[in-house]
Amino acid sequence: MTERELLVLAAKAADDKRAEDIVALNVQGISLIADYFLICHGNSEKQVQAVAREMKEKAEEAGVNVKRLEGFDEAKWVLVDMGDVVAHIFHRDERLYYNLERLWGDAPREDVQSELMP
């Protein structure tokens, strides 16, 4: 599975659980952590956990080793580390506060929305 395919798989998992404002950033050459960041949010702790759980399950079903799942119990900012793709699943208020899109503003956006259409 390519990094791009993993990015789309993670975005679809987030979309399946009705995550909002799904944004993918290409951080190749900008960050040593990963090639792509996927950022989205849920409106409750339960929804944030559901998105993270779905993303982890879909990645593992595809044979991807999820290296870390951090922040799951608090469900304010859950990080799902899938190697080349790192997903940041926020609670709405936390996303506004941390504003990762601005922090990584020099990273080009990847179009994953077109892949989410039924």
PDB file of N, CA and C in Angstrom:
ATOM      1  N   MET A   1       0.850  -1.178   0.000  1.00  0.00           N
ATOM      2  CA  MET A   1       0.000   0.000   0.000  1.00  0.00           C
ATOM      3  C   MET A   1       0.897   1.243   0.000  1.00  0.00           C
ATOM      4  N   THR A   2       0.616   2.158  -0.916  1.00  0.00           N
ATOM      5  CA  THR A   2       1.403   3.390  -0.985  1.00  0.00           C
ATOM      6  C   THR A   2       0.965   4.343   0.126  1.00  0.00           C
ATOM      7  N   GLU A   3       1.787   5.362   0.362  1.00  0.00           N
ATOM      8  CA  GLU A   3       1.440   6.369   1.367  1.00  0.00           C
ATOM      9  C   GLU A   3       0.135   7.069   0.991  1.00  0.00           C
ATOM     10  N   ARG A   4      -0.025   7.360  -0.293  1.00  0.00           N
ATOM     11  CA  ARG A   4      -1.248   8.035  -0.770  1.00  0.00           C
ATOM     12  C   ARG A   4      -2.478   7.159  -0.538  1.00  0.00           C
ATOM     13  N   GLU A   5      -2.358   5.859  -0.809  1.00  0.00           N
ATOM     14  CA  GLU A   5      -3.481   4.939  -0.584  1.00  0.00           C
ATOM     15  C   GLU A   5      -3.830   4.861   0.904  1.00  0.00           C
ATOM     16  N   LEU A   6      -2.818   4.872   1.755  1.00  0.00           N
ATOM     17  CA  LEU A   6      -3.054   4.863   3.198  1.00  0.00           C
ATOM     18  C   LEU A   6      -3.737   6.154   3.639  1.00  0.00           C
ATOM     19  N   LEU A   7      -3.322   7.266   3.064  1.00  0.00           N
ATOM     20  CA  LEU A   7      -3.951   8.554   3.361  1.00  0.00           C
ATOM     21  C   LEU A   7      -5.434   8.517   3.016  1.00  0.00           C
ATOM     22  N   VAL A   8      -5.756   7.999   1.845  1.00  0.00           N
ATOM     23  CA  VAL A   8      -7.152   7.919   1.405  1.00  0.00           C
ATOM     24  C   VAL A   8      -7.931   6.953   2.294  1.00  0.00           C
ATOM     25  N   LEU A   9      -7.324   5.829   2.665  1.00  0.00           N
ATOM     26  CA  LEU A   9      -7.978   4.863   3.544  1.00  0.00           C
ATOM     27  C   LEU A   9      -8.321   5.517   4.886  1.00  0.00           C
ATOM     28  N   ALA A  10      -7.384   6.267   5.439  1.00  0.00           N
ATOM     29  CA  ALA A  10      -7.615   6.954   6.713  1.00  0.00           C
ATOM     30  C   ALA A  10      -8.705   8.018   6.573  1.00  0.00           C
ATOM     31  N   ALA A  11      -8.689   8.752   5.473  1.00  0.00           N
ATOM     32  CA  ALA A  11      -9.704   9.778   5.239  1.00  0.00           C
ATOM     33  C   ALA A  11     -11.090   9.160   5.102  1.00  0.00           C
ATOM     34  N   LYS A  12     -11.173   8.028   4.407  1.00  0.00           N
ATOM     35  CA  LYS A  12     -12.462   7.337   4.265  1.00  0.00           C
ATOM     36  C   LYS A  12     -12.961   6.827   5.608  1.00  0.00           C
ATOM     37  N   ALA A  13     -12.058   6.313   6.433  1.00  0.00           N
ATOM     38  CA  ALA A  13     -12.447   5.849   7.766  1.00  0.00           C
ATOM     39  C   ALA A  13     -13.008   7.007   8.588  1.00  0.00           C
ATOM     40  N   ALA A  14     -12.347   8.158   8.516  1.00  0.00           N
ATOM     41  CA  ALA A  14     -12.822   9.345   9.229  1.00  0.00           C
ATOM     42  C   ALA A  14     -14.188   9.776   8.705  1.00  0.00           C
ATOM     43  N   ASP A  15     -14.335   9.775   7.390  1.00  0.00           N
ATOM     44  CA  ASP A  15     -15.597  10.168   6.769  1.00  0.00           C
ATOM     45  C   ASP A  15     -16.722   9.210   7.141  1.00  0.00           C
ATOM     46  N   ASP A  16     -16.412   7.924   7.231  1.00  0.00           N
ATOM     47  CA  ASP A  16     -17.421   6.922   7.598  1.00  0.00           C
ATOM     48  C   ASP A  16     -18.017   7.188   8.974  1.00  0.00           C
ATOM     49  N   LYS A  17     -17.227   7.780   9.855  1.00  0.00           N
ATOM     50  CA  LYS A  17     -17.706   8.102  11.206  1.00  0.00           C
ATOM     51  C   LYS A  17     -18.090   9.572  11.333  1.00  0.00           C
ATOM     52  N   ARG A  18     -18.312  10.202  10.199  1.00  0.00           N
ATOM     53  CA  ARG A  18     -18.807  11.576  10.108  1.00  0.00           C
ATOM     54  C   ARG A  18     -17.876  12.624  10.725  1.00  0.00           C
ATOM     55  N   ALA A  19     -16.567  12.395  10.613  1.00  0.00           N
ATOM     56  CA  ALA A  19     -15.613  13.422  11.040  1.00  0.00           C
ATOM     57  C   ALA A  19     -15.818  14.647  10.154  1.00  0.00           C
ATOM     58  N   GLU A  20     -15.533  15.797  10.700  1.00  0.00           N
ATOM     59  CA  GLU A  20     -15.766  17.040   9.966  1.00  0.00           C
ATOM     60  C   GLU A  20     -14.462  17.684   9.532  1.00  0.00           C
ATOM     61  N   ASP A  21     -14.552  18.451   8.452  1.00  0.00           N
ATOM     62  CA  ASP A  21     -13.452  19.262   7.933  1.00  0.00           C
ATOM     63  C   ASP A  21     -12.164  18.449   7.802  1.00  0.00           C
ATOM     64  N   ILE A  22     -12.239  17.407   6.989  1.00  0.00           N
ATOM     65  CA  ILE A  22     -11.091  16.518   6.777  1.00  0.00           C
ATOM     66  C   ILE A  22     -10.089  17.208   5.857  1.00  0.00           C
ATOM     67  N   VAL A  23      -8.877  17.406   6.380  1.00  0.00           N
ATOM     68  CA  VAL A  23      -7.819  18.094   5.642  1.00  0.00           C
ATOM     69  C   VAL A  23      -6.595  17.193   5.611  1.00  0.00           C
ATOM     70  N   ALA A  24      -6.000  17.060   4.434  1.00  0.00           N
ATOM     71  CA  ALA A  24      -4.768  16.275   4.290  1.00  0.00           C
ATOM     72  C   ALA A  24      -3.649  17.220   3.866  1.00  0.00           C
ATOM     73  N   LEU A  25      -2.526  17.137   4.571  1.00  0.00           N
ATOM     74  CA  LEU A  25      -1.369  17.971   4.271  1.00  0.00           C
ATOM     75  C   LEU A  25      -0.208  17.092   3.833  1.00  0.00           C
ATOM     76  N   ASN A  26       0.439  17.500   2.773  1.00  0.00           N
ATOM     77  CA  ASN A  26       1.631  16.803   2.296  1.00  0.00           C
ATOM     78  C   ASN A  26       2.828  17.453   2.983  1.00  0.00           C
ATOM     79  N   VAL A  27       3.399  16.749   3.952  1.00  0.00           N
ATOM     80  CA  VAL A  27       4.506  17.324   4.730  1.00  0.00           C
ATOM     81  C   VAL A  27       5.851  16.696   4.356  1.00  0.00           C
ATOM     82  N   GLN A  28       5.911  16.068   3.170  1.00  0.00           N
ATOM     83  CA  GLN A  28       7.176  15.513   2.690  1.00  0.00           C
ATOM     84  C   GLN A  28       8.182  16.645   2.526  1.00  0.00           C
ATOM     85  N   GLY A  29       9.362  16.460   3.074  1.00  0.00           N
ATOM     86  CA  GLY A  29      10.388  17.483   2.982  1.00  0.00           C
ATOM     87  C   GLY A  29      10.222  18.615   3.980  1.00  0.00           C
ATOM     88  N   ILE A  30       9.118  18.614   4.714  1.00  0.00           N
ATOM     89  CA  ILE A  30       8.858  19.648   5.712  1.00  0.00           C
ATOM     90  C   ILE A  30       8.979  19.060   7.118  1.00  0.00           C
ATOM     91  N   SER A  31       8.485  17.837   7.266  1.00  0.00           N
ATOM     92  CA  SER A  31       8.514  17.163   8.557  1.00  0.00           C
ATOM     93  C   SER A  31       9.242  15.836   8.427  1.00  0.00           C
ATOM     94  N   LEU A  32      10.008  15.501   9.432  1.00  0.00           N
ATOM     95  CA  LEU A  32      10.671  14.199   9.465  1.00  0.00           C
ATOM     96  C   LEU A  32       9.767  13.133  10.062  1.00  0.00           C
ATOM     97  N   ILE A  33       8.647  13.548  10.616  1.00  0.00           N
ATOM     98  CA  ILE A  33       7.740  12.650  11.317  1.00  0.00           C
ATOM     99  C   ILE A  33       6.973  11.749  10.349  1.00  0.00           C
ATOM    100  N   ALA A  34       6.476  12.316   9.267  1.00  0.00           N
ATOM    101  CA  ALA A  34       5.610  11.578   8.343  1.00  0.00           C
ATOM    102  C   ALA A  34       5.619  12.263   6.977  1.00  0.00           C
ATOM    103  N   ASP A  35       5.004  11.605   6.002  1.00  0.00           N
ATOM    104  CA  ASP A  35       4.833  12.201   4.676  1.00  0.00           C
ATOM    105  C   ASP A  35       3.517  12.975   4.573  1.00  0.00           C
ATOM    106  N   TYR A  36       2.504  12.501   5.318  1.00  0.00           N
ATOM    107  CA  TYR A  36       1.186  13.137   5.273  1.00  0.00           C
ATOM    108  C   TYR A  36       0.622  13.286   6.676  1.00  0.00           C
ATOM    109  N   PHE A  37      -0.054  14.394   6.913  1.00  0.00           N
ATOM    110  CA  PHE A  37      -0.865  14.592   8.107  1.00  0.00           C
ATOM    111  C   PHE A  37      -2.314  14.627   7.647  1.00  0.00           C
ATOM    112  N   LEU A  38      -3.159  13.924   8.371  1.00  0.00           N
ATOM    113  CA  LEU A  38      -4.593  13.990   8.147  1.00  0.00           C
ATOM    114  C   LEU A  38      -5.181  14.638   9.393  1.00  0.00           C
ATOM    115  N   ILE A  39      -5.940  15.699   9.200  1.00  0.00           N
ATOM    116  CA  ILE A  39      -6.509  16.442  10.320  1.00  0.00           C
ATOM    117  C   ILE A  39      -8.023  16.475  10.151  1.00  0.00           C
ATOM    118  N   CYS A  40      -8.722  16.179  11.245  1.00  0.00           N
ATOM    119  CA  CYS A  40     -10.186  16.241  11.218  1.00  0.00           C
ATOM    120  C   CYS A  40     -10.669  16.441  12.649  1.00  0.00           C
ATOM    121  N   HIS A  41     -11.982  16.598  12.810  1.00  0.00           N
ATOM    122  CA  HIS A  41     -12.509  16.730  14.168  1.00  0.00           C
ATOM    123  C   HIS A  41     -13.879  16.099  14.295  1.00  0.00           C
ATOM    124  N   GLY A  42     -14.210  15.813  15.550  1.00  0.00           N
ATOM    125  CA  GLY A  42     -15.535  15.328  15.920  1.00  0.00           C
ATOM    126  C   GLY A  42     -16.145  16.306  16.908  1.00  0.00           C
ATOM    127  N   ASN A  43     -17.428  16.160  17.133  1.00  0.00           N
ATOM    128  CA  ASN A  43     -18.136  17.109  17.989  1.00  0.00           C
ATOM    129  C   ASN A  43     -18.342  16.622  19.416  1.00  0.00           C
ATOM    130  N   SER A  44     -17.878  15.402  19.707  1.00  0.00           N
ATOM    131  CA  SER A  44     -17.968  14.868  21.067  1.00  0.00           C
ATOM    132  C   SER A  44     -16.817  13.903  21.285  1.00  0.00           C
ATOM    133  N   GLU A  45     -16.561  13.600  22.550  1.00  0.00           N
ATOM    134  CA  GLU A  45     -15.497  12.657  22.863  1.00  0.00           C
ATOM    135  C   GLU A  45     -15.789  11.295  22.242  1.00  0.00           C
ATOM    136  N   LYS A  46     -17.052  10.872  22.307  1.00  0.00           N
ATOM    137  CA  LYS A  46     -17.442   9.574  21.735  1.00  0.00           C
ATOM    138  C   LYS A  46     -17.181   9.530  20.240  1.00  0.00           C
ATOM    139  N   GLN A  47     -17.484  10.611  19.539  1.00  0.00           N
ATOM    140  CA  GLN A  47     -17.255  10.637  18.099  1.00  0.00           C
ATOM    141  C   GLN A  47     -15.759  10.625  17.779  1.00  0.00           C
ATOM    142  N   VAL A  48     -14.971  11.372  18.538  1.00  0.00           N
ATOM    143  CA  VAL A  48     -13.523  11.377  18.331  1.00  0.00           C
ATOM    144  C   VAL A  48     -12.972   9.963  18.512  1.00  0.00           C
ATOM    145  N   GLN A  49     -13.423   9.266  19.545  1.00  0.00           N
ATOM    146  CA  GLN A  49     -12.982   7.894  19.778  1.00  0.00           C
ATOM    147  C   GLN A  49     -13.441   6.964  18.666  1.00  0.00           C
ATOM    148  N   ALA A  50     -14.668   7.145  18.180  1.00  0.00           N
ATOM    149  CA  ALA A  50     -15.182   6.301  17.100  1.00  0.00           C
ATOM    150  C   ALA A  50     -14.361   6.479  15.824  1.00  0.00           C
ATOM    151  N   VAL A  51     -13.986   7.710  15.517  1.00  0.00           N
ATOM    152  CA  VAL A  51     -13.170   7.994  14.334  1.00  0.00           C
ATOM    153  C   VAL A  51     -11.810   7.319  14.481  1.00  0.00           C
ATOM    154  N   ALA A  52     -11.178   7.483  15.644  1.00  0.00           N
ATOM    155  CA  ALA A  52      -9.852   6.890  15.882  1.00  0.00           C
ATOM    156  C   ALA A  52      -9.913   5.369  15.806  1.00  0.00           C
ATOM    157  N   ARG A  53     -10.934   4.789  16.403  1.00  0.00           N
ATOM    158  CA  ARG A  53     -11.097   3.331  16.396  1.00  0.00           C
ATOM    159  C   ARG A  53     -11.276   2.812  14.969  1.00  0.00           C
ATOM    160  N   GLU A  54     -12.118   3.490  14.191  1.00  0.00           N
ATOM    161  CA  GLU A  54     -12.374   3.083  12.810  1.00  0.00           C
ATOM    162  C   GLU A  54     -11.104   3.186  11.964  1.00  0.00           C
ATOM    163  N   MET A  55     -10.357   4.261  12.162  1.00  0.00           N
ATOM    164  CA  MET A  55      -9.125   4.463  11.409  1.00  0.00           C
ATOM    165  C   MET A  55      -8.115   3.357  11.727  1.00  0.00           C
ATOM    166  N   LYS A  56      -7.974   3.043  12.994  1.00  0.00           N
ATOM    167  CA  LYS A  56      -7.046   1.995  13.430  1.00  0.00           C
ATOM    168  C   LYS A  56      -7.464   0.644  12.862  1.00  0.00           C
ATOM    169  N   GLU A  57      -8.752   0.325  12.952  1.00  0.00           N
ATOM    170  CA  GLU A  57      -9.250  -0.963  12.449  1.00  0.00           C
ATOM    171  C   GLU A  57      -9.049  -1.094  10.945  1.00  0.00           C
ATOM    172  N   LYS A  58      -9.386  -0.052  10.189  1.00  0.00           N
ATOM    173  CA  LYS A  58      -9.248  -0.116   8.725  1.00  0.00           C
ATOM    174  C   LYS A  58      -7.784  -0.240   8.317  1.00  0.00           C
ATOM    175  N   ALA A  59      -6.906   0.473   9.012  1.00  0.00           N
ATOM    176  CA  ALA A  59      -5.479   0.383   8.704  1.00  0.00           C
ATOM    177  C   ALA A  59      -4.971  -1.031   8.975  1.00  0.00           C
ATOM    178  N   GLU A  60      -5.334  -1.591  10.118  1.00  0.00           N
ATOM    179  CA  GLU A  60      -4.875  -2.937  10.461  1.00  0.00           C
ATOM    180  C   GLU A  60      -5.441  -3.982   9.507  1.00  0.00           C
ATOM    181  N   GLU A  61      -6.703  -3.815   9.091  1.00  0.00           N
ATOM    182  CA  GLU A  61      -7.297  -4.732   8.106  1.00  0.00           C
ATOM    183  C   GLU A  61      -6.520  -4.704   6.792  1.00  0.00           C
ATOM    184  N   ALA A  62      -5.939  -3.549   6.471  1.00  0.00           N
ATOM    185  CA  ALA A  62      -5.170  -3.397   5.230  1.00  0.00           C
ATOM    186  C   ALA A  62      -3.710  -3.827   5.417  1.00  0.00           C
ATOM    187  N   GLY A  63      -3.385  -4.329   6.600  1.00  0.00           N
ATOM    188  CA  GLY A  63      -2.035  -4.814   6.846  1.00  0.00           C
ATOM    189  C   GLY A  63      -1.056  -3.751   7.305  1.00  0.00           C
ATOM    190  N   VAL A  64      -1.581  -2.601   7.714  1.00  0.00           N
ATOM    191  CA  VAL A  64      -0.726  -1.506   8.178  1.00  0.00           C
ATOM    192  C   VAL A  64      -0.578  -1.605   9.694  1.00  0.00           C
ATOM    193  N   ASN A  65       0.653  -1.520  10.150  1.00  0.00           N
ATOM    194  CA  ASN A  65       0.925  -1.541  11.583  1.00  0.00           C
ATOM    195  C   ASN A  65       0.718  -0.139  12.151  1.00  0.00           C
ATOM    196  N   VAL A  66      -0.252  -0.002  13.054  1.00  0.00           N
ATOM    197  CA  VAL A  66      -0.465   1.279  13.723  1.00  0.00           C
ATOM    198  C   VAL A  66       0.540   1.350  14.857  1.00  0.00           C
ATOM    199  N   LYS A  67       1.492   2.255  14.722  1.00  0.00           N
ATOM    200  CA  LYS A  67       2.612   2.336  15.674  1.00  0.00           C
ATOM    201  C   LYS A  67       2.181   2.867  17.030  1.00  0.00           C
ATOM    202  N   ARG A  68       1.325   3.884  17.027  1.00  0.00           N
ATOM    203  CA  ARG A  68       0.864   4.478  18.287  1.00  0.00           C
ATOM    204  C   ARG A  68      -0.544   5.027  18.128  1.00  0.00           C
ATOM    205  N   LEU A  69      -1.258   4.986  19.230  1.00  0.00           N
ATOM    206  CA  LEU A  69      -2.570   5.618  19.339  1.00  0.00           C
ATOM    207  C   LEU A  69      -2.524   6.393  20.654  1.00  0.00           C
ATOM    208  N   GLU A  70      -2.406   7.695  20.566  1.00  0.00           N
ATOM    209  CA  GLU A  70      -2.236   8.512  21.773  1.00  0.00           C
ATOM    210  C   GLU A  70      -3.437   9.420  21.982  1.00  0.00           C
ATOM    211  N   GLY A  71      -3.795   9.617  23.244  1.00  0.00           N
ATOM    212  CA  GLY A  71      -4.859  10.544  23.608  1.00  0.00           C
ATOM    213  C   GLY A  71      -6.255   9.965  23.504  1.00  0.00           C
ATOM    214  N   PHE A  72      -6.367   8.658  23.308  1.00  0.00           N
ATOM    215  CA  PHE A  72      -7.674   8.043  23.072  1.00  0.00           C
ATOM    216  C   PHE A  72      -8.618   8.216  24.259  1.00  0.00           C
ATOM    217  N   ASP A  73      -8.125   7.995  25.478  1.00  0.00           N
ATOM    218  CA  ASP A  73      -9.007   8.049  26.653  1.00  0.00           C
ATOM    219  C   ASP A  73      -9.577   9.443  26.887  1.00  0.00           C
ATOM    220  N   GLU A  74      -8.747  10.474  26.700  1.00  0.00           N
ATOM    221  CA  GLU A  74      -9.222  11.844  26.918  1.00  0.00           C
ATOM    222  C   GLU A  74     -10.074  12.324  25.745  1.00  0.00           C
ATOM    223  N   ALA A  75      -9.743  11.854  24.539  1.00  0.00           N
ATOM    224  CA  ALA A  75     -10.503  12.152  23.317  1.00  0.00           C
ATOM    225  C   ALA A  75     -10.623  13.650  23.028  1.00  0.00           C
ATOM    226  N   LYS A  76      -9.575  14.388  23.361  1.00  0.00           N
ATOM    227  CA  LYS A  76      -9.523  15.810  22.989  1.00  0.00           C
ATOM    228  C   LYS A  76      -8.671  15.985  21.732  1.00  0.00           C
ATOM    229  N   TRP A  77      -7.590  15.212  21.662  1.00  0.00           N
ATOM    230  CA  TRP A  77      -6.696  15.209  20.496  1.00  0.00           C
ATOM    231  C   TRP A  77      -6.107  13.805  20.424  1.00  0.00           C
ATOM    232  N   VAL A  78      -6.590  13.011  19.493  1.00  0.00           N
ATOM    233  CA  VAL A  78      -6.101  11.642  19.335  1.00  0.00           C
ATOM    234  C   VAL A  78      -5.154  11.611  18.148  1.00  0.00           C
ATOM    235  N   LEU A  79      -3.985  11.036  18.373  1.00  0.00           N
ATOM    236  CA  LEU A  79      -2.991  10.902  17.323  1.00  0.00           C
ATOM    237  C   LEU A  79      -2.924   9.427  16.933  1.00  0.00           C
ATOM    238  N   VAL A  80      -3.115   9.152  15.643  1.00  0.00           N
ATOM    239  CA  VAL A  80      -3.017   7.795  15.126  1.00  0.00           C
ATOM    240  C   VAL A  80      -1.796   7.761  14.204  1.00  0.00           C
ATOM    241  N   ASP A  81      -0.742   7.093  14.677  1.00  0.00           N
ATOM    242  CA  ASP A  81       0.523   7.032  13.942  1.00  0.00           C
ATOM    243  C   ASP A  81       0.558   5.770  13.106  1.00  0.00           C
ATOM    244  N   MET A  82       0.419   5.954  11.792  1.00  0.00           N
ATOM    245  CA  MET A  82       0.444   4.828  10.851  1.00  0.00           C
ATOM    246  C   MET A  82       1.723   4.853  10.028  1.00  0.00           C
ATOM    247  N   GLY A  83       2.768   5.445  10.588  1.00  0.00           N
ATOM    248  CA  GLY A  83       4.044   5.510   9.885  1.00  0.00           C
ATOM    249  C   GLY A  83       4.123   6.724   8.985  1.00  0.00           C
ATOM    250  N   ASP A  84       3.956   6.504   7.686  1.00  0.00           N
ATOM    251  CA  ASP A  84       4.046   7.614   6.729  1.00  0.00           C
ATOM    252  C   ASP A  84       2.853   8.553   6.785  1.00  0.00           C
ATOM    253  N   VAL A  85       1.784   8.115   7.429  1.00  0.00           N
ATOM    254  CA  VAL A  85       0.590   8.945   7.598  1.00  0.00           C
ATOM    255  C   VAL A  85       0.300   9.053   9.094  1.00  0.00           C
ATOM    256  N   VAL A  86       0.191  10.287   9.575  1.00  0.00           N
ATOM    257  CA  VAL A  86      -0.173  10.522  10.968  1.00  0.00           C
ATOM    258  C   VAL A  86      -1.487  11.297  10.971  1.00  0.00           C
ATOM    259  N   ALA A  87      -2.477  10.731  11.653  1.00  0.00           N
ATOM    260  CA  ALA A  87      -3.788  11.375  11.726  1.00  0.00           C
ATOM    261  C   ALA A  87      -3.935  12.090  13.061  1.00  0.00           C
ATOM    262  N   HIS A  88      -4.477  13.293  12.994  1.00  0.00           N
ATOM    263  CA  HIS A  88      -4.775  14.096  14.176  1.00  0.00           C
ATOM    264  C   HIS A  88      -6.289  14.247  14.218  1.00  0.00           C
ATOM    265  N   ILE A  89      -6.906  13.622  15.196  1.00  0.00           N
ATOM    266  CA  ILE A  89      -8.368  13.675  15.329  1.00  0.00           C
ATOM    267  C   ILE A  89      -8.674  14.506  16.571  1.00  0.00           C
ATOM    268  N   PHE A  90      -9.245  15.649  16.343  1.00  0.00           N
ATOM    269  CA  PHE A  90      -9.484  16.596  17.431  1.00  0.00           C
ATOM    270  C   PHE A  90     -10.950  16.612  17.851  1.00  0.00           C
ATOM    271  N   HIS A  91     -11.167  17.046  19.088  1.00  0.00           N
ATOM    272  CA  HIS A  91     -12.475  17.530  19.501  1.00  0.00           C
ATOM    273  C   HIS A  91     -12.545  18.945  18.924  1.00  0.00           C
ATOM    274  N   ARG A  92     -13.695  19.383  18.507  1.00  0.00           N
ATOM    275  CA  ARG A  92     -13.846  20.671  17.803  1.00  0.00           C
ATOM    276  C   ARG A  92     -13.095  21.821  18.484  1.00  0.00           C
ATOM    277  N   ASP A  93     -13.285  21.999  19.790  1.00  0.00           N
ATOM    278  CA  ASP A  93     -12.663  23.127  20.497  1.00  0.00           C
ATOM    279  C   ASP A  93     -11.139  23.040  20.477  1.00  0.00           C
ATOM    280  N   GLU A  94     -10.607  21.845  20.622  1.00  0.00           N
ATOM    281  CA  GLU A  94      -9.160  21.665  20.613  1.00  0.00           C
ATOM    282  C   GLU A  94      -8.580  21.983  19.234  1.00  0.00           C
ATOM    283  N   ARG A  95      -9.310  21.625  18.195  1.00  0.00           N
ATOM    284  CA  ARG A  95      -8.814  21.891  16.842  1.00  0.00           C
ATOM    285  C   ARG A  95      -8.683  23.390  16.597  1.00  0.00           C
ATOM    286  N   LEU A  96      -9.670  24.131  17.035  1.00  0.00           N
ATOM    287  CA  LEU A  96      -9.613  25.584  16.879  1.00  0.00           C
ATOM    288  C   LEU A  96      -8.438  26.165  17.653  1.00  0.00           C
ATOM    289  N   TYR A  97      -8.185  25.613  18.827  1.00  0.00           N
ATOM    290  CA  TYR A  97      -7.103  26.126  19.672  1.00  0.00           C
ATOM    291  C   TYR A  97      -5.727  25.841  19.063  1.00  0.00           C
ATOM    292  N   TYR A  98      -5.480  24.609  18.641  1.00  0.00           N
ATOM    293  CA  TYR A  98      -4.143  24.238  18.153  1.00  0.00           C
ATOM    294  C   TYR A  98      -3.894  24.647  16.700  1.00  0.00           C
ATOM    295  N   ASN A  99      -4.936  24.677  15.893  1.00  0.00           N
ATOM    296  CA  ASN A  99      -4.868  25.168  14.512  1.00  0.00           C
ATOM    297  C   ASN A  99      -3.638  24.646  13.756  1.00  0.00           C
ATOM    298  N   LEU A 100      -3.535  23.328  13.629  1.00  0.00           N
ATOM    299  CA  LEU A 100      -2.394  22.717  12.954  1.00  0.00           C
ATOM    300  C   LEU A 100      -2.271  23.146  11.499  1.00  0.00           C
ATOM    301  N   GLU A 101      -3.394  23.443  10.867  1.00  0.00           N
ATOM    302  CA  GLU A 101      -3.342  23.879   9.474  1.00  0.00           C
ATOM    303  C   GLU A 101      -2.507  25.156   9.336  1.00  0.00           C
ATOM    304  N   ARG A 102      -2.605  26.042  10.306  1.00  0.00           N
ATOM    305  CA  ARG A 102      -1.811  27.266  10.286  1.00  0.00           C
ATOM    306  C   ARG A 102      -0.358  26.960  10.631  1.00  0.00           C
ATOM    307  N   LEU A 103      -0.158  26.103  11.636  1.00  0.00           N
ATOM    308  CA  LEU A 103       1.197  25.739  12.050  1.00  0.00           C
ATOM    309  C   LEU A 103       1.980  25.108  10.898  1.00  0.00           C
ATOM    310  N   TRP A 104       1.318  24.270  10.114  1.00  0.00           N
ATOM    311  CA  TRP A 104       1.938  23.617   8.958  1.00  0.00           C
ATOM    312  C   TRP A 104       1.470  24.284   7.669  1.00  0.00           C
ATOM    313  N   GLY A 105       1.305  25.600   7.712  1.00  0.00           N
ATOM    314  CA  GLY A 105       0.751  26.366   6.601  1.00  0.00           C
ATOM    315  C   GLY A 105       1.536  26.291   5.308  1.00  0.00           C
ATOM    316  N   ASP A 106       2.835  25.974   5.387  1.00  0.00           N
ATOM    317  CA  ASP A 106       3.626  25.888   4.162  1.00  0.00           C
ATOM    318  C   ASP A 106       3.505  24.516   3.492  1.00  0.00           C
ATOM    319  N   ALA A 107       2.765  23.609   4.109  1.00  0.00           N
ATOM    320  CA  ALA A 107       2.560  22.276   3.519  1.00  0.00           C
ATOM    321  C   ALA A 107       1.394  22.327   2.532  1.00  0.00           C
ATOM    322  N   PRO A 108       1.608  21.820   1.318  1.00  0.00           N
ATOM    323  CA  PRO A 108       0.502  21.808   0.361  1.00  0.00           C
ATOM    324  C   PRO A 108      -0.601  20.849   0.794  1.00  0.00           C
ATOM    325  N   ARG A 109      -1.819  21.219   0.477  1.00  0.00           N
ATOM    326  CA  ARG A 109      -2.962  20.345   0.778  1.00  0.00           C
ATOM    327  C   ARG A 109      -3.102  19.280  -0.303  1.00  0.00           C
ATOM    328  N   GLU A 110      -3.499  18.108   0.128  1.00  0.00           N
ATOM    329  CA  GLU A 110      -3.797  17.004  -0.778  1.00  0.00           C
ATOM    330  C   GLU A 110      -5.307  16.906  -0.928  1.00  0.00           C
ATOM    331  N   ASP A 111      -5.763  16.684  -2.123  1.00  0.00           N
ATOM    332  CA  ASP A 111      -7.204  16.545  -2.343  1.00  0.00           C
ATOM    333  C   ASP A 111      -7.622  15.110  -2.025  1.00  0.00           C
ATOM    334  N   VAL A 112      -8.276  14.937  -0.885  1.00  0.00           N
ATOM    335  CA  VAL A 112      -8.846  13.629  -0.553  1.00  0.00           C
ATOM    336  C   VAL A 112     -10.370  13.688  -0.632  1.00  0.00           C
ATOM    337  N   GLN A 113     -10.912  14.891  -0.670  1.00  0.00           N
ATOM    338  CA  GLN A 113     -12.371  15.046  -0.698  1.00  0.00           C
ATOM    339  C   GLN A 113     -12.985  14.360  -1.920  1.00  0.00           C
ATOM    340  N   SER A 114     -12.318  14.454  -3.068  1.00  0.00           N
ATOM    341  CA  SER A 114     -12.864  13.843  -4.293  1.00  0.00           C
ATOM    342  C   SER A 114     -12.927  12.320  -4.162  1.00  0.00           C
ATOM    343  N   GLU A 115     -12.092  11.744  -3.314  1.00  0.00           N
ATOM    344  CA  GLU A 115     -12.080  10.295  -3.109  1.00  0.00           C
ATOM    345  C   GLU A 115     -13.158   9.849  -2.119  1.00  0.00           C
ATOM    346  N   LEU A 116     -13.736  10.806  -1.398  1.00  0.00           N
ATOM    347  CA  LEU A 116     -14.735  10.474  -0.394  1.00  0.00           C
ATOM    348  C   LEU A 116     -16.147  10.467  -0.964  1.00  0.00           C
ATOM    349  N   MET A 117     -16.295  11.027  -2.136  1.00  0.00           N
ATOM    350  CA  MET A 117     -17.626  11.082  -2.751  1.00  0.00           C
ATOM    351  C   MET A 117     -18.100   9.674  -3.078  1.00  0.00           C
ATOM    352  N   PRO A 118     -19.379   9.395  -2.810  1.00  0.00           N
ATOM    353  CA  PRO A 118     -19.900   8.040  -3.106  1.00  0.00           C
ATOM    354  C   PRO A 118     -19.988   7.766  -4.586  1.00  0.00           C
TER     355      PRO A 118
END
